[in-house]
Amino acid sequence: RATLWRGLGGWCLVALTGWVTVWAFYGFRY
């Protein structure tokens, strides 16, 4: 279970970074 929770936490960081990267490549403009 420790591996699962550690992995899910890492995945959330990965998803958040991906989201920020998308905004960055579109100039942080909608």
ModelCIF file with pLDDT and N, C-alpha, C, O atoms, coordinates in Angstrom:
data_MODEL
#
_entry.id   MODEL 
#
_entity.id                         1 
_entity.type                       polymer 
_entity.pdbx_number_of_molecules   1 
#
_entity_poly.entity_id                      1 
_entity_poly.type                           'polypeptide(L)' 
_entity_poly.nstd_linkage                   no 
_entity_poly.nstd_monomer                   no 
_entity_poly.pdbx_seq_one_letter_code       RATLWRGLGGWCLVALTGWVTVWAFYGFRY 
_entity_poly.pdbx_seq_one_letter_code_can   RATLWRGLGGWCLVALTGWVTVWAFYGFRY 
_entity_poly.pdbx_strand_id                 A 
#
loop_
_entity_poly_seq.entity_id 
_entity_poly_seq.num 
_entity_poly_seq.mon_id 
_entity_poly_seq.hetero 
1 1  ARG n 
1 2  ALA n 
1 3  THR n 
1 4  LEU n 
1 5  TRP n 
1 6  ARG n 
1 7  GLY n 
1 8  LEU n 
1 9  GLY n 
1 10 GLY n 
1 11 TRP n 
1 12 CYS n 
1 13 LEU n 
1 14 VAL n 
1 15 ALA n 
1 16 LEU n 
1 17 THR n 
1 18 GLY n 
1 19 TRP n 
1 20 VAL n 
1 21 THR n 
1 22 VAL n 
1 23 TRP n 
1 24 ALA n 
1 25 PHE n 
1 26 TYR n 
1 27 GLY n 
1 28 PHE n 
1 29 ARG n 
1 30 TYR n 
#
_struct_asym.id          A 
_struct_asym.entity_id   1 
#
loop_
_ma_qa_metric.id 
_ma_qa_metric.mode 
_ma_qa_metric.name 
_ma_qa_metric.software_group_id 
_ma_qa_metric.type 
1 global pLDDT . pLDDT 
2 local  pLDDT . pLDDT 
#
_ma_qa_metric_global.metric_id      1 
_ma_qa_metric_global.metric_value   96.80 
_ma_qa_metric_global.model_id       1 
_ma_qa_metric_global.ordinal_id     1 
#
loop_
_ma_qa_metric_local.label_asym_id 
_ma_qa_metric_local.label_comp_id 
_ma_qa_metric_local.label_seq_id 
_ma_qa_metric_local.metric_id 
_ma_qa_metric_local.metric_value 
_ma_qa_metric_local.model_id 
_ma_qa_metric_local.ordinal_id 
A ARG 1  2 94.00 1 1  
A ALA 2  2 94.00 1 2  
A THR 3  2 94.00 1 3  
A LEU 4  2 96.00 1 4  
A TRP 5  2 97.00 1 5  
A ARG 6  2 96.00 1 6  
A GLY 7  2 96.00 1 7  
A LEU 8  2 97.00 1 8  
A GLY 9  2 97.00 1 9  
A GLY 10 2 97.00 1 10 
A TRP 11 2 98.00 1 11 
A CYS 12 2 98.00 1 12 
A LEU 13 2 97.00 1 13 
A VAL 14 2 98.00 1 14 
A ALA 15 2 98.00 1 15 
A LEU 16 2 98.00 1 16 
A THR 17 2 98.00 1 17 
A GLY 18 2 98.00 1 18 
A TRP 19 2 98.00 1 19 
A VAL 20 2 98.00 1 20 
A THR 21 2 98.00 1 21 
A VAL 22 2 98.00 1 22 
A TRP 23 2 98.00 1 23 
A ALA 24 2 98.00 1 24 
A PHE 25 2 97.00 1 25 
A TYR 26 2 97.00 1 26 
A GLY 27 2 95.00 1 27 
A PHE 28 2 96.00 1 28 
A ARG 29 2 95.00 1 29 
A TYR 30 2 95.00 1 30 
#
loop_
_atom_site.group_PDB 
_atom_site.id 
_atom_site.type_symbol 
_atom_site.label_atom_id 
_atom_site.label_alt_id 
_atom_site.label_comp_id 
_atom_site.label_asym_id 
_atom_site.label_entity_id 
_atom_site.label_seq_id 
_atom_site.pdbx_PDB_ins_code 
_atom_site.Cartn_x 
_atom_site.Cartn_y 
_atom_site.Cartn_z 
_atom_site.occupancy 
_atom_site.B_iso_or_equiv 
_atom_site.pdbx_formal_charge 
_atom_site.auth_seq_id 
_atom_site.auth_comp_id 
_atom_site.auth_asym_id 
_atom_site.auth_atom_id 
_atom_site.pdbx_PDB_model_num 
ATOM 1   N N  . ARG A 1 1  ? 0.820  -1.196 0.000   1.00 94.00 ? 1  ARG A N  1 
ATOM 2   C CA . ARG A 1 1  ? 0.000  0.000  0.000   1.00 94.00 ? 1  ARG A CA 1 
ATOM 3   C C  . ARG A 1 1  ? 0.862  1.257  0.000   1.00 94.00 ? 1  ARG A C  1 
ATOM 4   O O  . ARG A 1 1  ? 0.503  2.270  -0.600  1.00 94.00 ? 1  ARG A O  1 
ATOM 5   N N  . ALA A 1 2  ? 1.988  1.178  0.672   1.00 94.00 ? 2  ALA A N  1 
ATOM 6   C CA . ALA A 1 2  ? 2.893  2.327  0.691   1.00 94.00 ? 2  ALA A CA 1 
ATOM 7   C C  . ALA A 1 2  ? 3.346  2.682  -0.723  1.00 94.00 ? 2  ALA A C  1 
ATOM 8   O O  . ALA A 1 2  ? 3.415  3.854  -1.094  1.00 94.00 ? 2  ALA A O  1 
ATOM 9   N N  . THR A 1 3  ? 3.653  1.648  -1.502  1.00 94.00 ? 3  THR A N  1 
ATOM 10  C CA . THR A 1 3  ? 4.041  1.882  -2.895  1.00 94.00 ? 3  THR A CA 1 
ATOM 11  C C  . THR A 1 3  ? 2.904  2.531  -3.673  1.00 94.00 ? 3  THR A C  1 
ATOM 12  O O  . THR A 1 3  ? 3.126  3.422  -4.491  1.00 94.00 ? 3  THR A O  1 
ATOM 13  N N  . LEU A 1 4  ? 1.683  2.074  -3.408  1.00 96.00 ? 4  LEU A N  1 
ATOM 14  C CA . LEU A 1 4  ? 0.520  2.637  -4.102  1.00 96.00 ? 4  LEU A CA 1 
ATOM 15  C C  . LEU A 1 4  ? 0.354  4.114  -3.777  1.00 96.00 ? 4  LEU A C  1 
ATOM 16  O O  . LEU A 1 4  ? 0.218  4.933  -4.686  1.00 96.00 ? 4  LEU A O  1 
ATOM 17  N N  . TRP A 1 5  ? 0.361  4.468  -2.493  1.00 97.00 ? 5  TRP A N  1 
ATOM 18  C CA . TRP A 1 5  ? 0.144  5.861  -2.110  1.00 97.00 ? 5  TRP A CA 1 
ATOM 19  C C  . TRP A 1 5  ? 1.292  6.755  -2.570  1.00 97.00 ? 5  TRP A C  1 
ATOM 20  O O  . TRP A 1 5  ? 1.071  7.897  -2.973  1.00 97.00 ? 5  TRP A O  1 
ATOM 21  N N  . ARG A 1 6  ? 2.501  6.241  -2.511  1.00 96.00 ? 6  ARG A N  1 
ATOM 22  C CA . ARG A 1 6  ? 3.641  7.014  -3.003  1.00 96.00 ? 6  ARG A CA 1 
ATOM 23  C C  . ARG A 1 6  ? 3.515  7.232  -4.515  1.00 96.00 ? 6  ARG A C  1 
ATOM 24  O O  . ARG A 1 6  ? 3.781  8.324  -5.018  1.00 96.00 ? 6  ARG A O  1 
ATOM 25  N N  . GLY A 1 7  ? 3.109  6.185  -5.224  1.00 96.00 ? 7  GLY A N  1 
ATOM 26  C CA . GLY A 1 7  ? 2.934  6.300  -6.666  1.00 96.00 ? 7  GLY A CA 1 
ATOM 27  C C  . GLY A 1 7  ? 1.815  7.258  -7.038  1.00 96.00 ? 7  GLY A C  1 
ATOM 28  O O  . GLY A 1 7  ? 1.959  8.042  -7.975  1.00 96.00 ? 7  GLY A O  1 
ATOM 29  N N  . LEU A 1 8  ? 0.698  7.206  -6.316  1.00 97.00 ? 8  LEU A N  1 
ATOM 30  C CA . LEU A 1 8  ? -0.416 8.109  -6.611  1.00 97.00 ? 8  LEU A CA 1 
ATOM 31  C C  . LEU A 1 8  ? -0.029 9.558  -6.340  1.00 97.00 ? 8  LEU A C  1 
ATOM 32  O O  . LEU A 1 8  ? -0.414 10.465 -7.078  1.00 97.00 ? 8  LEU A O  1 
ATOM 33  N N  . GLY A 1 9  ? 0.743  9.762  -5.266  1.00 97.00 ? 9  GLY A N  1 
ATOM 34  C CA . GLY A 1 9  ? 1.222  11.116 -5.001  1.00 97.00 ? 9  GLY A CA 1 
ATOM 35  C C  . GLY A 1 9  ? 2.127  11.623 -6.106  1.00 97.00 ? 9  GLY A C  1 
ATOM 36  O O  . GLY A 1 9  ? 2.014  12.773 -6.533  1.00 97.00 ? 9  GLY A O  1 
ATOM 37  N N  . GLY A 1 10 ? 3.028  10.764 -6.571  1.00 97.00 ? 10 GLY A N  1 
ATOM 38  C CA . GLY A 1 10 ? 3.898  11.136 -7.682  1.00 97.00 ? 10 GLY A CA 1 
ATOM 39  C C  . GLY A 1 10 ? 3.106  11.403 -8.947  1.00 97.00 ? 10 GLY A C  1 
ATOM 40  O O  . GLY A 1 10 ? 3.412  12.329 -9.699  1.00 97.00 ? 10 GLY A O  1 
ATOM 41  N N  . TRP A 1 11 ? 2.076  10.580 -9.181  1.00 98.00 ? 11 TRP A N  1 
ATOM 42  C CA . TRP A 1 11 ? 1.247  10.768 -10.379 1.00 98.00 ? 11 TRP A CA 1 
ATOM 43  C C  . TRP A 1 11 ? 0.541  12.110 -10.338 1.00 98.00 ? 11 TRP A C  1 
ATOM 44  O O  . TRP A 1 11 ? 0.447  12.779 -11.368 1.00 98.00 ? 11 TRP A O  1 
ATOM 45  N N  . CYS A 1 12 ? 0.048  12.520 -9.194  1.00 98.00 ? 12 CYS A N  1 
ATOM 46  C CA . CYS A 1 12 ? -0.620 13.820 -9.070  1.00 98.00 ? 12 CYS A CA 1 
ATOM 47  C C  . CYS A 1 12 ? 0.347  14.953 -9.408  1.00 98.00 ? 12 CYS A C  1 
ATOM 48  O O  . CYS A 1 12 ? -0.029 15.917 -10.074 1.00 98.00 ? 12 CYS A O  1 
ATOM 49  N N  . LEU A 1 13 ? 1.589  14.833 -8.948  1.00 97.00 ? 13 LEU A N  1 
ATOM 50  C CA . LEU A 1 13 ? 2.588  15.840 -9.285  1.00 97.00 ? 13 LEU A CA 1 
ATOM 51  C C  . LEU A 1 13 ? 2.846  15.868 -10.788 1.00 97.00 ? 13 LEU A C  1 
ATOM 52  O O  . LEU A 1 13 ? 2.975  16.936 -11.386 1.00 97.00 ? 13 LEU A O  1 
ATOM 53  N N  . VAL A 1 14 ? 2.920  14.690 -11.387 1.00 98.00 ? 14 VAL A N  1 
ATOM 54  C CA . VAL A 1 14 ? 3.139  14.591 -12.831 1.00 98.00 ? 14 VAL A CA 1 
ATOM 55  C C  . VAL A 1 14 ? 1.985  15.253 -13.588 1.00 98.00 ? 14 VAL A C  1 
ATOM 56  O O  . VAL A 1 14 ? 2.215  16.024 -14.519 1.00 98.00 ? 14 VAL A O  1 
ATOM 57  N N  . ALA A 1 15 ? 0.742  14.952 -13.188 1.00 98.00 ? 15 ALA A N  1 
ATOM 58  C CA . ALA A 1 15 ? -0.420 15.527 -13.865 1.00 98.00 ? 15 ALA A CA 1 
ATOM 59  C C  . ALA A 1 15 ? -0.454 17.039 -13.714 1.00 98.00 ? 15 ALA A C  1 
ATOM 60  O O  . ALA A 1 15 ? -0.769 17.753 -14.666 1.00 98.00 ? 15 ALA A O  1 
ATOM 61  N N  . LEU A 1 16 ? -0.130 17.531 -12.521 1.00 98.00 ? 16 LEU A N  1 
ATOM 62  C CA . LEU A 1 16 ? -0.118 18.977 -12.291 1.00 98.00 ? 16 LEU A CA 1 
ATOM 63  C C  . LEU A 1 16 ? 0.953  19.652 -13.143 1.00 98.00 ? 16 LEU A C  1 
ATOM 64  O O  . LEU A 1 16 ? 0.712  20.710 -13.724 1.00 98.00 ? 16 LEU A O  1 
ATOM 65  N N  . THR A 1 17 ? 2.133  19.042 -13.217 1.00 98.00 ? 17 THR A N  1 
ATOM 66  C CA . THR A 1 17 ? 3.203  19.607 -14.047 1.00 98.00 ? 17 THR A CA 1 
ATOM 67  C C  . THR A 1 17 ? 2.807  19.615 -15.514 1.00 98.00 ? 17 THR A C  1 
ATOM 68  O O  . THR A 1 17 ? 3.090  20.569 -16.239 1.00 98.00 ? 17 THR A O  1 
ATOM 69  N N  . GLY A 1 18 ? 2.154  18.553 -15.943 1.00 98.00 ? 18 GLY A N  1 
ATOM 70  C CA . GLY A 1 18 ? 1.684  18.507 -17.320 1.00 98.00 ? 18 GLY A CA 1 
ATOM 71  C C  . GLY A 1 18 ? 0.698  19.617 -17.626 1.00 98.00 ? 18 GLY A C  1 
ATOM 72  O O  . GLY A 1 18 ? 0.761  20.240 -18.686 1.00 98.00 ? 18 GLY A O  1 
ATOM 73  N N  . TRP A 1 19 ? -0.212 19.862 -16.698 1.00 98.00 ? 19 TRP A N  1 
ATOM 74  C CA . TRP A 1 19 ? -1.207 20.921 -16.868 1.00 98.00 ? 19 TRP A CA 1 
ATOM 75  C C  . TRP A 1 19 ? -0.534 22.283 -16.972 1.00 98.00 ? 19 TRP A C  1 
ATOM 76  O O  . TRP A 1 19 ? -0.878 23.084 -17.841 1.00 98.00 ? 19 TRP A O  1 
ATOM 77  N N  . VAL A 1 20 ? 0.415  22.547 -16.097 1.00 98.00 ? 20 VAL A N  1 
ATOM 78  C CA . VAL A 1 20 ? 1.140  23.819 -16.128 1.00 98.00 ? 20 VAL A CA 1 
ATOM 79  C C  . VAL A 1 20 ? 1.938  23.955 -17.431 1.00 98.00 ? 20 VAL A C  1 
ATOM 80  O O  . VAL A 1 20 ? 2.018  25.044 -17.999 1.00 98.00 ? 20 VAL A O  1 
ATOM 81  N N  . THR A 1 21 ? 2.527  22.849 -17.900 1.00 98.00 ? 21 THR A N  1 
ATOM 82  C CA . THR A 1 21 ? 3.314  22.880 -19.137 1.00 98.00 ? 21 THR A CA 1 
ATOM 83  C C  . THR A 1 21 ? 2.441  23.234 -20.329 1.00 98.00 ? 21 THR A C  1 
ATOM 84  O O  . THR A 1 21 ? 2.857  23.996 -21.202 1.00 98.00 ? 21 THR A O  1 
ATOM 85  N N  . VAL A 1 22 ? 1.234  22.686 -20.370 1.00 98.00 ? 22 VAL A N  1 
ATOM 86  C CA . VAL A 1 22 ? 0.312  23.026 -21.452 1.00 98.00 ? 22 VAL A CA 1 
ATOM 87  C C  . VAL A 1 22 ? 0.041  24.529 -21.459 1.00 98.00 ? 22 VAL A C  1 
ATOM 88  O O  . VAL A 1 22 ? 0.118  25.171 -22.506 1.00 98.00 ? 22 VAL A O  1 
ATOM 89  N N  . TRP A 1 23 ? -0.274 25.086 -20.296 1.00 98.00 ? 23 TRP A N  1 
ATOM 90  C CA . TRP A 1 23 ? -0.517 26.527 -20.227 1.00 98.00 ? 23 TRP A CA 1 
ATOM 91  C C  . TRP A 1 23 ? 0.716  27.322 -20.644 1.00 98.00 ? 23 TRP A C  1 
ATOM 92  O O  . TRP A 1 23 ? 0.606  28.352 -21.309 1.00 98.00 ? 23 TRP A O  1 
ATOM 93  N N  . ALA A 1 24 ? 1.888  26.839 -20.248 1.00 98.00 ? 24 ALA A N  1 
ATOM 94  C CA . ALA A 1 24 ? 3.117  27.554 -20.591 1.00 98.00 ? 24 ALA A CA 1 
ATOM 95  C C  . ALA A 1 24 ? 3.316  27.603 -22.101 1.00 98.00 ? 24 ALA A C  1 
ATOM 96  O O  . ALA A 1 24 ? 3.694  28.646 -22.635 1.00 98.00 ? 24 ALA A O  1 
ATOM 97  N N  . PHE A 1 25 ? 3.072  26.508 -22.792 1.00 97.00 ? 25 PHE A N  1 
ATOM 98  C CA . PHE A 1 25 ? 3.289  26.475 -24.235 1.00 97.00 ? 25 PHE A CA 1 
ATOM 99  C C  . PHE A 1 25 ? 2.231  27.263 -25.000 1.00 97.00 ? 25 PHE A C  1 
ATOM 100 O O  . PHE A 1 25 ? 2.431  27.585 -26.171 1.00 97.00 ? 25 PHE A O  1 
ATOM 101 N N  . TYR A 1 26 ? 1.110  27.578 -24.356 1.00 97.00 ? 26 TYR A N  1 
ATOM 102 C CA . TYR A 1 26 ? 0.107  28.443 -24.967 1.00 97.00 ? 26 TYR A CA 1 
ATOM 103 C C  . TYR A 1 26 ? 0.178  29.858 -24.396 1.00 97.00 ? 26 TYR A C  1 
ATOM 104 O O  . TYR A 1 26 ? -0.774 30.631 -24.499 1.00 97.00 ? 26 TYR A O  1 
ATOM 105 N N  . GLY A 1 27 ? 1.322  30.182 -23.791 1.00 95.00 ? 27 GLY A N  1 
ATOM 106 C CA . GLY A 1 27 ? 1.566  31.536 -23.335 1.00 95.00 ? 27 GLY A CA 1 
ATOM 107 C C  . GLY A 1 27 ? 0.762  31.964 -22.134 1.00 95.00 ? 27 GLY A C  1 
ATOM 108 O O  . GLY A 1 27 ? 0.570  33.160 -21.917 1.00 95.00 ? 27 GLY A O  1 
ATOM 109 N N  . PHE A 1 28 ? 0.278  31.004 -21.333 1.00 96.00 ? 28 PHE A N  1 
ATOM 110 C CA . PHE A 1 28 ? -0.551 31.305 -20.161 1.00 96.00 ? 28 PHE A CA 1 
ATOM 111 C C  . PHE A 1 28 ? -1.701 32.253 -20.539 1.00 96.00 ? 28 PHE A C  1 
ATOM 112 O O  . PHE A 1 28 ? -2.043 33.176 -19.800 1.00 96.00 ? 28 PHE A O  1 
ATOM 113 N N  . ARG A 1 29 ? -2.275 31.988 -21.708 1.00 95.00 ? 29 ARG A N  1 
ATOM 114 C CA . ARG A 1 29 ? -3.383 32.814 -22.198 1.00 95.00 ? 29 ARG A CA 1 
ATOM 115 C C  . ARG A 1 29 ? -4.488 31.897 -22.700 1.00 95.00 ? 29 ARG A C  1 
ATOM 116 O O  . ARG A 1 29 ? -4.235 30.979 -23.480 1.00 95.00 ? 29 ARG A O  1 
ATOM 117 N N  . TYR A 1 30 ? -5.690 32.141 -22.260 1.00 95.00 ? 30 TYR A N  1 
ATOM 118 C CA . TYR A 1 30 ? -6.809 31.298 -22.701 1.00 95.00 ? 30 TYR A CA 1 
ATOM 119 C C  . TYR A 1 30 ? -7.129 31.512 -24.173 1.00 95.00 ? 30 TYR A C  1 
ATOM 120 O O  . TYR A 1 30 ? -8.044 30.881 -24.703 1.00 95.00 ? 30 TYR A O  1 
#
